[in-house]
Amino acid sequence: VQQRYTLEMLDEHLEERDVLGFEYDQVGVKPLTLSEVDQDFLPTSDGGSEAVVQEPLRIRGEKVGLLTLEEPAQPGVWTEEQSEILEAVREQLELALENRLLIERSQRALREARRREAELAFLQEISAMLNATSDVAGIGDALLEQLQGFVPVDTVALVSLETDEASASVLGGAGDFVSDYVAIVSRVPKGLTAVSRVVERRTSLIQNDLGRSPRFAEDAMLARLGITARALFPLTLGPRLLGVLDLASRKPDAFSREGIAPVLQQVAAQVASAIERGNLLKVAQASADESRRLYEATADLVDTQGAPGVLEAIATHIFSHRPARAEIALYVGDPETGAERDWMEIVASLTCRVDRQAPPAGTRLRVEELIAPTLVEGRGLFVTTDVESDPNLPESLRSVLLEEKVTALVVAALTTGGDAAGQIGVLQVRYYDSQGISAQEERLYRTLADQAAVVLANRRLFEESQARIRRQEAAVELANLTTSFSERGPLMQASVDFLQRRFDLHFAGIFLLDTQGEWAVLQSGTGDIGQRLM
């Protein structure tokens, strides 16, 4: 906005002073005003005489240059036929310029899509490495090597929190400064460190130059070791905070590259998921049955490829042996208003041992129709085994559940990032028997919901990246196609034919306004419809 305002003010300033352009020489540059130009060489709107004709070149209404023809030695009058030829040449030049601009923009967008594809490949490599281990602290060197392929990192440290989040310890790490880092962090009072700030606010923290702008008690000591940039990310799993991922670099502004923070946040989410799996495996030694189910369920979730697989894995490990119905619903954008939390889409549903019809995948409902999201606000998990008298159930939902003969209800929030803003959807399970829900099953639901949210978020990121690549490839193909035509008619017909084939459209057409701007006239159309309309 500031740049656009500045350019508009500059245009007004030059127009007020009759500045046509600028004159350059070895001494410098100075404005070229209207009074300094010979009248024979001034631009005209409808042709010129004796010396020069100048016509503006525009792209979508914006002036981008001038077409100039000069004959200083042959004064004369430009005929109407010559003016029409010049107008046709100008239109062709404008078309060529717009095609070039479209190609450049499409290529930039394609490079951006490829960059995102590289980021996704990096995340998949991190995920594969973390999924292959149960001891995240023991693979610090491998994690550092993977990170160094994406960002200039010299040290990685995993800070673990106790259950009450009141104390922290270094779980593991790798790099040149790990031992010094542990010594420094252990000497600094807990409430004054960057880790404490991340724990308190549960948000990421990036410092691009510790030497010039120290903010925390340990910054000066770290700067003396050669550390100039630092990035800290909370290791959250659902509403829980497991620790902090601390990255350090000798290179200033190592973490300032555009788009790098979201990728590293996703790495932190995967590290948190791996830490949780490792913790569950350790607890399995004391609680074999429950921990075994948790570990196997989370491992199955990691191998799933989408929402149906996620729901099937949860059902297999919790309720597949009981009469139940379940669905996963994710927030989707409103196609009319763009609001992100007004609608939810059923992305997976199933029934087990009961004759009930589950809503099919693809069904879209308003949030107030689903009701389930309101039950998990501020709590993450809602469980009731007394549908008839539970005071937390809205009456409208209670009547529906009783009519359906539901005996127990579980609603789990699917959350990434640790707060309500990171909620991407809900898991809802309805039971139709009298067995109730055990405390062990509640813990399973809470853990699996958090793991499922990470899997679904990764899947959505992958699908969005693939869709973006397909769109950019289509834009590049269309731009390359249009450059092979010099005539407007064949150009427009080839364009609509390409769009119809590529996107499987029923009809595609191009309408242009007439000279009075009152009617839109069909110039090119596809199929029988296009022929009849033409």
Protein backbone atom coordinates (compact mmCIF):
# COMPACT_ATOMS: atom_id res chain seq x y z
CA VAL A 1 0.00 0.00 0.00
CA GLN A 2 2.82 2.40 0.86
CA GLN A 3 4.61 1.68 -2.43
CA ARG A 4 1.42 2.18 -4.45
CA TYR A 5 0.70 5.47 -2.67
CA THR A 6 4.24 6.69 -3.36
CA LEU A 7 4.00 5.84 -7.06
CA GLU A 8 0.63 7.59 -7.36
CA MET A 9 2.03 10.73 -5.69
CA LEU A 10 5.03 10.64 -8.06
CA ASP A 11 2.75 10.41 -11.10
CA GLU A 12 0.70 13.37 -9.89
CA HIS A 13 3.87 15.37 -9.22
CA LEU A 14 5.26 14.73 -12.71
CA GLU A 15 1.92 15.50 -14.35
CA GLU A 16 1.60 18.83 -12.53
CA ARG A 17 5.03 19.86 -13.85
CA ASP A 18 4.47 18.59 -17.41
CA VAL A 19 7.33 16.09 -17.09
CA LEU A 20 7.41 13.69 -20.05
CA GLY A 21 10.37 11.66 -18.87
CA PHE A 22 14.01 12.05 -17.86
CA GLU A 23 17.16 12.97 -19.75
CA TYR A 24 20.31 11.02 -18.94
CA ASP A 25 23.95 11.90 -19.64
CA GLN A 26 27.35 11.31 -18.06
CA VAL A 27 26.79 14.13 -15.59
CA GLY A 28 23.50 12.93 -14.20
CA VAL A 29 19.77 12.85 -14.78
CA LYS A 30 17.22 15.67 -15.01
CA PRO A 31 13.48 15.85 -15.78
CA LEU A 32 12.43 16.44 -19.41
CA THR A 33 9.47 18.84 -19.41
CA LEU A 34 6.91 19.60 -22.08
CA SER A 35 8.34 23.08 -22.82
CA GLU A 36 11.78 21.66 -23.63
CA VAL A 37 10.56 19.35 -26.42
CA ASP A 38 10.10 20.43 -30.05
CA GLN A 39 6.40 20.56 -30.88
CA ASP A 40 6.90 18.24 -33.85
CA PHE A 41 8.08 15.49 -31.50
CA LEU A 42 5.28 15.68 -28.94
CA PRO A 43 3.11 12.51 -28.48
CA THR A 44 -0.39 12.61 -29.93
CA SER A 45 -3.45 10.52 -29.11
CA ASP A 46 -4.75 10.06 -32.68
CA GLY A 47 -1.64 10.01 -34.88
CA GLY A 48 0.95 12.70 -35.67
CA SER A 49 2.39 14.74 -38.52
CA GLU A 50 5.70 15.56 -40.16
CA ALA A 51 8.01 13.88 -37.69
CA VAL A 52 6.82 11.32 -35.15
CA VAL A 53 3.93 9.16 -33.98
CA GLN A 54 3.82 7.90 -30.40
CA GLU A 55 1.22 5.44 -29.15
CA PRO A 56 1.00 4.20 -25.54
CA LEU A 57 1.48 0.49 -24.83
CA ARG A 58 -0.87 -0.76 -22.11
CA ILE A 59 -1.33 -4.04 -20.26
CA ARG A 60 -4.79 -4.39 -18.73
CA GLY A 61 -5.26 -0.63 -18.72
CA GLU A 62 -1.88 0.17 -17.18
CA LYS A 63 0.58 2.19 -19.29
CA VAL A 64 3.88 0.32 -19.60
CA GLY A 65 5.63 2.05 -22.55
CA LEU A 66 5.44 3.90 -25.88
CA LEU A 67 5.51 2.79 -29.51
CA THR A 68 7.39 5.52 -31.45
CA LEU A 69 7.96 5.89 -35.21
CA GLU A 70 10.13 8.78 -36.46
CA GLU A 71 10.75 10.15 -39.98
CA PRO A 72 12.53 13.47 -39.37
CA ALA A 73 13.83 13.75 -42.95
CA GLN A 74 10.44 13.14 -44.60
CA PRO A 75 7.77 15.47 -43.25
CA GLY A 76 4.24 14.61 -44.23
CA VAL A 77 0.76 13.70 -43.00
CA TRP A 78 -0.06 10.30 -41.54
CA THR A 79 -2.99 8.78 -43.44
CA GLU A 80 -5.91 6.96 -41.83
CA GLU A 81 -4.71 3.67 -43.33
CA GLN A 82 -1.26 4.19 -41.82
CA SER A 83 -2.83 4.98 -38.46
CA GLU A 84 -4.87 1.75 -38.60
CA ILE A 85 -1.73 -0.23 -39.40
CA LEU A 86 0.08 1.40 -36.46
CA GLU A 87 -2.88 0.62 -34.21
CA ALA A 88 -2.76 -3.05 -35.27
CA VAL A 89 0.99 -3.16 -34.63
CA ARG A 90 0.45 -1.59 -31.22
CA GLU A 91 -2.21 -4.20 -30.33
CA GLN A 92 0.14 -7.02 -31.32
CA LEU A 93 2.95 -5.54 -29.24
CA GLU A 94 0.62 -5.21 -26.25
CA LEU A 95 -0.45 -8.84 -26.68
CA ALA A 96 3.18 -9.97 -26.86
CA LEU A 97 4.05 -7.94 -23.77
CA GLU A 98 1.12 -9.36 -21.82
CA ASN A 99 2.04 -12.91 -22.84
CA ARG A 100 5.62 -12.31 -21.70
CA LEU A 101 4.37 -10.91 -18.41
CA LEU A 102 2.05 -13.88 -17.93
CA ILE A 103 4.87 -16.33 -18.60
CA GLU A 104 7.19 -14.57 -16.16
CA ARG A 105 4.53 -14.51 -13.46
CA SER A 106 3.65 -18.15 -14.06
CA GLN A 107 7.31 -19.15 -13.93
CA ARG A 108 7.75 -17.28 -10.65
CA ALA A 109 4.69 -19.00 -9.25
CA LEU A 110 5.97 -22.36 -10.49
CA ARG A 111 9.34 -21.74 -8.83
CA GLU A 112 7.45 -20.95 -5.62
CA ALA A 113 5.46 -24.17 -5.98
CA ARG A 114 8.68 -26.13 -6.51
CA ARG A 115 10.17 -24.48 -3.44
CA ARG A 116 7.15 -25.63 -1.47
CA GLU A 117 7.53 -29.09 -2.96
CA ALA A 118 11.14 -29.15 -1.75
CA GLU A 119 9.95 -28.09 1.71
CA LEU A 120 7.42 -30.91 1.69
CA ALA A 121 10.10 -33.43 0.68
CA PHE A 122 12.26 -32.14 3.56
CA LEU A 123 9.36 -32.60 5.99
CA GLN A 124 8.75 -36.12 4.72
CA GLU A 125 12.43 -37.01 5.27
CA ILE A 126 12.26 -35.64 8.83
CA SER A 127 9.03 -37.56 9.42
CA ALA A 128 10.53 -40.82 8.10
CA MET A 129 13.59 -40.43 10.33
CA LEU A 130 11.52 -39.65 13.45
CA ASN A 131 9.05 -42.45 12.75
CA ALA A 132 11.92 -44.94 12.62
CA THR A 133 13.05 -44.27 16.19
CA SER A 134 11.61 -44.42 19.66
CA ASP A 135 14.42 -42.34 21.20
CA VAL A 136 14.42 -38.82 19.79
CA ALA A 137 17.20 -37.71 22.14
CA GLY A 138 19.46 -40.39 20.68
CA ILE A 139 19.21 -39.20 17.06
CA GLY A 140 20.39 -35.63 17.64
CA ASP A 141 23.22 -35.94 15.10
CA ALA A 142 20.93 -37.31 12.39
CA LEU A 143 18.33 -34.62 13.09
CA LEU A 144 21.01 -31.91 12.88
CA GLU A 145 22.27 -33.31 9.56
CA GLN A 146 18.76 -33.26 8.10
CA LEU A 147 18.16 -29.70 9.30
CA GLN A 148 21.48 -28.51 7.86
CA GLY A 149 20.26 -29.53 4.42
CA PHE A 150 17.48 -26.96 4.74
CA VAL A 151 18.76 -24.17 6.99
CA PRO A 152 22.27 -23.24 8.26
CA VAL A 153 22.03 -24.72 11.77
CA ASP A 154 25.08 -25.42 13.93
CA THR A 155 23.40 -26.71 17.09
CA VAL A 156 20.08 -28.35 17.92
CA ALA A 157 18.86 -28.89 21.47
CA LEU A 158 15.70 -30.55 22.81
CA VAL A 159 14.51 -29.05 26.08
CA SER A 160 12.11 -31.28 27.99
CA LEU A 161 9.51 -30.05 30.48
CA GLU A 162 8.29 -31.80 33.57
CA THR A 163 4.59 -32.58 33.91
CA ASP A 164 3.84 -29.34 35.78
CA GLU A 165 5.89 -27.29 33.26
CA ALA A 166 7.67 -25.68 36.23
CA SER A 167 11.12 -27.11 35.51
CA ALA A 168 13.04 -27.97 32.34
CA SER A 169 16.07 -30.02 31.38
CA VAL A 170 18.01 -30.64 28.18
CA LEU A 171 16.77 -33.94 26.79
CA GLY A 172 19.40 -34.19 24.05
CA GLY A 173 21.04 -32.41 21.17
CA ALA A 174 23.92 -32.23 18.73
CA GLY A 175 26.36 -29.71 17.32
CA ASP A 176 29.37 -27.63 18.29
CA PHE A 177 27.84 -25.82 21.25
CA VAL A 178 25.69 -28.44 22.98
CA SER A 179 27.86 -28.86 26.09
CA ASP A 180 28.37 -25.10 26.42
CA TYR A 181 24.65 -24.56 25.84
CA VAL A 182 23.74 -26.95 28.66
CA ALA A 183 26.21 -25.23 31.02
CA ILE A 184 24.87 -21.74 30.17
CA VAL A 185 21.20 -22.67 30.47
CA SER A 186 21.81 -24.38 33.81
CA ARG A 187 23.39 -21.18 35.23
CA VAL A 188 20.71 -18.74 34.09
CA PRO A 189 17.61 -18.31 36.31
CA LYS A 190 14.69 -20.14 34.75
CA GLY A 191 12.35 -17.16 34.45
CA LEU A 192 14.85 -15.06 32.47
CA THR A 193 15.65 -17.41 29.57
CA ALA A 194 14.27 -17.52 26.05
CA VAL A 195 13.01 -21.04 26.78
CA SER A 196 10.91 -19.64 29.65
CA ARG A 197 9.46 -17.05 27.29
CA VAL A 198 8.45 -19.75 24.78
CA VAL A 199 6.98 -21.92 27.55
CA GLU A 200 5.03 -18.99 29.00
CA ARG A 201 3.53 -17.79 25.71
CA ARG A 202 3.60 -21.09 23.77
CA THR A 203 4.69 -19.25 20.65
CA SER A 204 7.79 -19.42 18.47
CA LEU A 205 10.70 -17.05 19.06
CA ILE A 206 13.32 -16.07 16.45
CA GLN A 207 16.39 -13.92 17.23
CA ASN A 208 18.38 -12.90 14.15
CA ASP A 209 21.36 -11.19 15.81
CA LEU A 210 22.15 -11.96 19.46
CA GLY A 211 25.22 -9.69 19.52
CA ARG A 212 23.46 -6.51 18.46
CA SER A 213 20.10 -7.03 20.14
CA PRO A 214 20.31 -9.29 23.22
CA ARG A 215 16.94 -9.84 24.89
CA PHE A 216 17.49 -12.60 27.43
CA ALA A 217 19.97 -13.35 30.19
CA GLU A 218 21.87 -16.01 28.23
CA ASP A 219 22.15 -14.08 24.93
CA ALA A 220 25.46 -12.37 25.69
CA MET A 221 27.09 -15.65 26.79
CA LEU A 222 25.84 -17.44 23.68
CA ALA A 223 27.08 -14.58 21.46
CA ARG A 224 30.59 -15.00 22.93
CA LEU A 225 30.51 -18.61 21.71
CA GLY A 226 29.86 -17.38 18.17
CA ILE A 227 26.12 -17.98 18.10
CA THR A 228 24.48 -15.09 16.24
CA ALA A 229 21.00 -16.41 15.39
CA ARG A 230 18.58 -18.53 17.37
CA ALA A 231 15.11 -20.00 16.80
CA LEU A 232 12.96 -21.66 19.46
CA PHE A 233 9.74 -23.57 18.78
CA PRO A 234 7.32 -25.04 21.36
CA LEU A 235 6.90 -28.82 21.18
CA THR A 236 3.13 -29.00 21.53
CA LEU A 237 0.84 -31.95 21.13
CA GLY A 238 -2.77 -30.86 21.28
CA PRO A 239 -3.17 -28.63 24.36
CA ARG A 240 -0.03 -30.07 26.02
CA LEU A 241 3.46 -28.58 25.93
CA LEU A 242 6.20 -31.24 25.95
CA GLY A 243 9.26 -29.03 25.58
CA VAL A 244 11.14 -26.65 23.30
CA LEU A 245 13.14 -27.20 20.11
CA ASP A 246 16.12 -24.80 20.24
CA LEU A 247 18.14 -24.17 17.05
CA ALA A 248 21.31 -22.05 16.96
CA SER A 249 23.46 -20.80 14.09
CA ARG A 250 26.72 -18.89 13.54
CA LYS A 251 25.17 -17.16 10.53
CA PRO A 252 23.27 -13.92 11.22
CA ASP A 253 19.68 -13.89 9.94
CA ALA A 254 19.85 -17.65 9.40
CA PHE A 255 16.15 -17.98 10.21
CA SER A 256 14.87 -14.85 8.47
CA ARG A 257 14.26 -16.42 5.05
CA GLU A 258 10.66 -16.07 3.91
CA GLY A 259 8.53 -19.12 4.64
CA ILE A 260 11.10 -20.87 6.82
CA ALA A 261 9.27 -20.44 10.15
CA PRO A 262 6.14 -22.48 9.21
CA VAL A 263 8.32 -25.34 7.97
CA LEU A 264 10.35 -25.42 11.19
CA GLN A 265 7.11 -25.25 13.19
CA GLN A 266 5.96 -28.37 11.35
CA VAL A 267 9.30 -30.02 12.21
CA ALA A 268 8.67 -29.14 15.86
CA ALA A 269 5.21 -30.73 15.64
CA GLN A 270 6.73 -33.93 14.25
CA VAL A 271 9.44 -33.93 16.93
CA ALA A 272 6.74 -33.53 19.60
CA SER A 273 4.82 -36.44 18.09
CA ALA A 274 7.99 -38.57 18.08
CA ILE A 275 8.78 -37.62 21.70
CA GLU A 276 5.27 -38.63 22.69
CA ARG A 277 5.63 -41.99 20.96
CA GLY A 278 8.96 -42.49 22.71
CA ASN A 279 7.42 -41.60 26.08
CA LEU A 280 4.57 -44.01 25.48
CA LEU A 281 7.01 -46.77 24.66
CA LYS A 282 8.88 -46.14 27.94
CA VAL A 283 5.69 -46.15 29.97
CA ALA A 284 4.84 -49.47 28.35
CA GLN A 285 7.36 -51.15 30.64
CA ALA A 286 5.20 -50.19 33.64
CA SER A 287 1.78 -50.41 32.02
CA ALA A 288 2.16 -53.01 29.30
CA ASP A 289 -1.38 -53.35 27.98
CA GLU A 290 -2.39 -49.70 27.83
CA SER A 291 0.93 -48.47 26.53
CA ARG A 292 1.07 -51.23 23.93
CA ARG A 293 -2.29 -50.13 22.56
CA LEU A 294 -1.19 -46.50 22.52
CA TYR A 295 2.08 -47.23 20.79
CA GLU A 296 0.54 -49.52 18.17
CA ALA A 297 -2.27 -47.05 17.51
CA THR A 298 0.09 -44.09 17.04
CA ALA A 299 2.34 -46.19 14.82
CA ASP A 300 -0.68 -47.15 12.68
CA LEU A 301 -1.69 -43.48 12.45
CA VAL A 302 1.75 -42.59 11.12
CA ASP A 303 1.32 -45.07 8.26
CA THR A 304 -2.12 -43.82 7.21
CA GLN A 305 -2.57 -41.80 4.01
CA GLY A 306 -5.75 -39.84 4.76
CA ALA A 307 -8.75 -39.27 7.02
CA PRO A 308 -10.43 -42.66 6.32
CA GLY A 309 -7.24 -44.46 7.33
CA VAL A 310 -6.94 -42.33 10.48
CA LEU A 311 -10.51 -43.14 11.55
CA GLU A 312 -10.07 -46.84 10.79
CA ALA A 313 -6.87 -46.95 12.89
CA ILE A 314 -8.65 -45.29 15.85
CA ALA A 315 -11.59 -47.67 15.52
CA THR A 316 -9.30 -50.71 15.36
CA HIS A 317 -7.60 -49.85 18.63
CA ILE A 318 -10.56 -48.54 20.64
CA PHE A 319 -14.13 -49.38 19.62
CA SER A 320 -14.24 -51.72 16.61
CA HIS A 321 -15.46 -54.57 18.87
CA ARG A 322 -18.47 -52.53 20.07
CA PRO A 323 -21.61 -51.17 18.36
CA ALA A 324 -20.61 -47.61 17.49
CA ARG A 325 -20.67 -44.94 14.82
CA ALA A 326 -17.87 -42.42 14.24
CA GLU A 327 -16.94 -39.55 11.95
CA ILE A 328 -14.15 -37.01 11.49
CA ALA A 329 -15.15 -33.48 10.48
CA LEU A 330 -12.69 -30.75 9.44
CA TYR A 331 -13.21 -27.01 9.10
CA VAL A 332 -13.52 -25.80 5.49
CA GLY A 333 -13.77 -22.32 4.05
CA ASP A 334 -17.13 -20.82 3.14
CA PRO A 335 -17.19 -20.67 -0.69
CA GLU A 336 -19.24 -17.44 -0.63
CA THR A 337 -17.83 -15.41 2.28
CA GLY A 338 -14.38 -16.97 2.72
CA ALA A 339 -14.98 -17.50 6.47
CA GLU A 340 -12.81 -20.36 7.73
CA ARG A 341 -14.88 -21.63 10.69
CA ASP A 342 -18.51 -21.48 9.57
CA TRP A 343 -18.58 -24.87 7.82
CA MET A 344 -17.32 -28.37 8.53
CA GLU A 345 -16.92 -31.25 6.09
CA ILE A 346 -17.24 -34.94 7.00
CA VAL A 347 -13.96 -36.36 5.65
CA ALA A 348 -14.38 -39.91 7.03
CA SER A 349 -17.16 -41.95 8.65
CA LEU A 350 -17.80 -45.58 9.60
CA THR A 351 -20.07 -47.84 11.66
CA CYS A 352 -19.17 -50.93 13.71
CA ARG A 353 -21.56 -53.75 14.63
CA VAL A 354 -24.65 -51.58 14.38
CA ASP A 355 -27.32 -50.92 11.77
CA ARG A 356 -26.91 -47.16 11.60
CA GLN A 357 -26.36 -44.90 8.59
CA ALA A 358 -23.30 -42.66 8.97
CA PRO A 359 -23.13 -39.42 6.98
CA PRO A 360 -21.06 -40.03 3.82
CA ALA A 361 -17.66 -38.42 3.32
CA GLY A 362 -17.98 -35.07 1.57
CA THR A 363 -21.08 -33.98 3.49
CA ARG A 364 -20.84 -30.32 4.52
CA LEU A 365 -22.63 -28.91 7.56
CA ARG A 366 -22.69 -25.58 9.32
CA VAL A 367 -20.85 -25.64 12.64
CA GLU A 368 -24.05 -24.97 14.58
CA GLU A 369 -25.69 -28.00 12.92
CA LEU A 370 -22.90 -30.32 14.01
CA ILE A 371 -22.85 -29.02 17.63
CA ALA A 372 -19.84 -31.20 18.49
CA PRO A 373 -17.27 -28.35 18.27
CA THR A 374 -19.02 -26.45 21.08
CA LEU A 375 -18.64 -29.46 23.42
CA VAL A 376 -14.83 -29.40 23.31
CA GLU A 377 -14.27 -25.65 23.68
CA GLY A 378 -11.67 -25.12 26.40
CA ARG A 379 -11.36 -28.81 27.26
CA GLY A 380 -10.10 -30.71 24.19
CA LEU A 381 -12.05 -33.89 25.03
CA PHE A 382 -15.72 -34.37 25.97
CA VAL A 383 -16.93 -37.75 27.27
CA THR A 384 -20.35 -38.63 28.63
CA THR A 385 -21.83 -41.98 29.55
CA ASP A 386 -25.12 -40.47 30.77
CA VAL A 387 -26.80 -38.96 27.75
CA GLU A 388 -30.15 -38.64 29.49
CA SER A 389 -29.04 -36.36 32.37
CA ASP A 390 -25.61 -34.92 31.52
CA PRO A 391 -25.94 -31.14 32.12
CA ASN A 392 -23.26 -30.30 29.55
CA LEU A 393 -25.30 -31.65 26.64
CA PRO A 394 -27.46 -29.13 24.74
CA GLU A 395 -31.12 -30.17 24.76
CA SER A 396 -31.31 -30.20 20.98
CA LEU A 397 -28.45 -32.72 20.82
CA ARG A 398 -29.76 -34.73 23.78
CA SER A 399 -33.10 -35.36 22.07
CA VAL A 400 -31.34 -36.50 18.88
CA LEU A 401 -29.07 -38.87 20.80
CA LEU A 402 -31.90 -40.36 22.86
CA GLU A 403 -34.00 -40.88 19.74
CA GLU A 404 -31.05 -42.65 18.16
CA LYS A 405 -30.59 -44.72 21.37
CA VAL A 406 -27.03 -43.51 21.95
CA THR A 407 -25.70 -44.54 25.37
CA ALA A 408 -22.30 -42.77 25.38
CA LEU A 409 -20.69 -39.96 23.40
CA VAL A 410 -17.05 -38.99 22.82
CA VAL A 411 -16.02 -35.75 21.08
CA ALA A 412 -12.29 -34.99 20.71
CA ALA A 413 -10.82 -31.78 19.30
CA LEU A 414 -8.25 -32.25 16.52
CA THR A 415 -5.75 -29.53 17.37
CA THR A 416 -2.26 -28.55 16.23
CA GLY A 417 -0.22 -25.79 17.82
CA GLY A 418 -1.54 -26.16 21.35
CA ASP A 419 -4.38 -23.60 21.35
CA ALA A 420 -7.94 -23.16 20.07
CA ALA A 421 -6.71 -21.29 16.99
CA GLY A 422 -4.98 -24.48 15.85
CA GLN A 423 -8.13 -26.63 15.96
CA ILE A 424 -8.68 -28.13 12.50
CA GLY A 425 -11.69 -30.33 13.27
CA VAL A 426 -13.32 -32.88 15.60
CA LEU A 427 -13.60 -36.63 16.09
CA GLN A 428 -17.05 -37.83 17.20
CA VAL A 429 -17.94 -41.37 18.36
CA ARG A 430 -21.40 -42.58 19.40
CA TYR A 431 -21.84 -45.83 21.37
CA TYR A 432 -24.97 -47.98 21.38
CA ASP A 433 -24.26 -50.43 24.24
CA SER A 434 -24.14 -50.19 28.03
CA GLN A 435 -20.44 -50.89 28.65
CA GLY A 436 -19.47 -47.25 29.24
CA ILE A 437 -16.03 -45.76 28.59
CA SER A 438 -13.03 -46.57 30.76
CA ALA A 439 -10.34 -44.14 31.92
CA GLN A 440 -7.86 -46.03 29.75
CA GLU A 441 -10.04 -45.44 26.68
CA GLU A 442 -10.32 -41.74 27.53
CA ARG A 443 -6.53 -41.50 27.59
CA LEU A 444 -6.40 -43.33 24.27
CA TYR A 445 -8.85 -40.88 22.71
CA ARG A 446 -6.94 -37.87 24.00
CA THR A 447 -3.59 -39.12 22.70
CA LEU A 448 -4.84 -40.45 19.37
CA ALA A 449 -6.76 -37.24 18.66
CA ASP A 450 -3.56 -35.24 19.05
CA GLN A 451 -1.64 -37.64 16.80
CA ALA A 452 -4.44 -37.72 14.25
CA ALA A 453 -4.42 -33.91 14.06
CA VAL A 454 -0.73 -33.93 13.09
CA VAL A 455 -1.32 -36.61 10.42
CA LEU A 456 -4.34 -34.77 8.96
CA ALA A 457 -2.51 -31.42 8.99
CA ASN A 458 0.42 -32.99 7.11
CA ARG A 459 -1.98 -34.55 4.60
CA ARG A 460 -3.76 -31.23 4.03
CA LEU A 461 -0.39 -29.50 3.51
CA PHE A 462 0.55 -32.15 0.93
CA GLU A 463 -2.77 -31.87 -0.95
CA GLU A 464 -2.61 -28.06 -1.02
CA SER A 465 0.94 -28.19 -2.34
CA GLN A 466 -0.02 -30.66 -5.09
CA ALA A 467 -3.06 -28.58 -6.07
CA ARG A 468 -0.93 -25.43 -6.21
CA ILE A 469 1.60 -27.18 -8.46
CA ARG A 470 -1.16 -28.40 -10.81
CA ARG A 471 -2.61 -24.89 -11.08
CA GLN A 472 0.77 -23.33 -11.82
CA GLU A 473 1.58 -25.98 -14.42
CA ALA A 474 -1.71 -25.22 -16.17
CA ALA A 475 -0.91 -21.49 -16.12
CA VAL A 476 2.51 -22.08 -17.66
CA GLU A 477 1.06 -24.37 -20.34
CA LEU A 478 -1.58 -21.78 -21.24
CA ALA A 479 1.03 -19.00 -21.37
CA ASN A 480 3.28 -21.07 -23.64
CA LEU A 481 0.29 -21.91 -25.86
CA THR A 482 -0.76 -18.27 -26.32
CA THR A 483 2.72 -17.15 -27.38
CA SER A 484 2.44 -19.25 -30.55
CA PHE A 485 -0.42 -17.13 -31.92
CA SER A 486 -0.22 -13.65 -33.43
CA GLU A 487 -3.89 -13.32 -34.39
CA ARG A 488 -6.46 -12.61 -31.73
CA GLY A 489 -9.18 -14.98 -33.03
CA PRO A 490 -7.11 -18.20 -33.08
CA LEU A 491 -5.51 -17.17 -29.78
CA MET A 492 -8.83 -16.90 -27.97
CA GLN A 493 -10.22 -20.12 -29.50
CA ALA A 494 -7.10 -22.09 -28.54
CA SER A 495 -7.32 -20.67 -25.00
CA VAL A 496 -10.95 -21.70 -24.38
CA ASP A 497 -10.33 -25.15 -25.93
CA PHE A 498 -7.34 -25.64 -23.61
CA LEU A 499 -9.31 -24.56 -20.51
CA GLN A 500 -12.22 -26.86 -21.37
CA ARG A 501 -9.93 -29.88 -21.83
CA ARG A 502 -7.69 -29.20 -18.85
CA PHE A 503 -10.43 -28.58 -16.28
CA ASP A 504 -13.15 -30.80 -17.84
CA LEU A 505 -15.56 -27.90 -18.27
CA HIS A 506 -18.99 -28.11 -19.89
CA PHE A 507 -18.42 -24.82 -21.70
CA ALA A 508 -15.72 -22.13 -21.86
CA GLY A 509 -16.03 -18.83 -23.69
CA ILE A 510 -14.47 -15.39 -23.95
CA PHE A 511 -16.70 -12.29 -24.07
CA LEU A 512 -15.38 -8.81 -24.88
CA LEU A 513 -17.17 -5.49 -24.37
CA ASP A 514 -18.19 -3.58 -27.48
CA THR A 515 -16.85 -0.10 -28.24
CA GLN A 516 -19.65 1.56 -26.25
CA GLY A 517 -19.06 -0.71 -23.28
CA GLU A 518 -22.73 -1.72 -23.19
CA TRP A 519 -22.72 -5.28 -24.56
CA ALA A 520 -20.50 -8.28 -23.93
CA VAL A 521 -19.95 -10.01 -27.28
CA LEU A 522 -18.95 -13.68 -27.48
CA GLN A 523 -15.64 -13.94 -29.35
CA SER A 524 -14.80 -17.63 -28.89
CA GLY A 525 -16.64 -20.60 -27.40
CA THR A 526 -16.28 -24.36 -27.14
CA GLY A 527 -18.42 -27.20 -28.46
CA ASP A 528 -21.93 -27.06 -29.89
CA ILE A 529 -22.93 -24.43 -27.34
CA GLY A 530 -20.18 -22.12 -28.53
CA GLN A 531 -21.11 -22.60 -32.18
CA ARG A 532 -24.79 -21.87 -31.55
CA LEU A 533 -24.03 -18.80 -29.45
CA MET A 534 -21.58 -17.48 -32.04
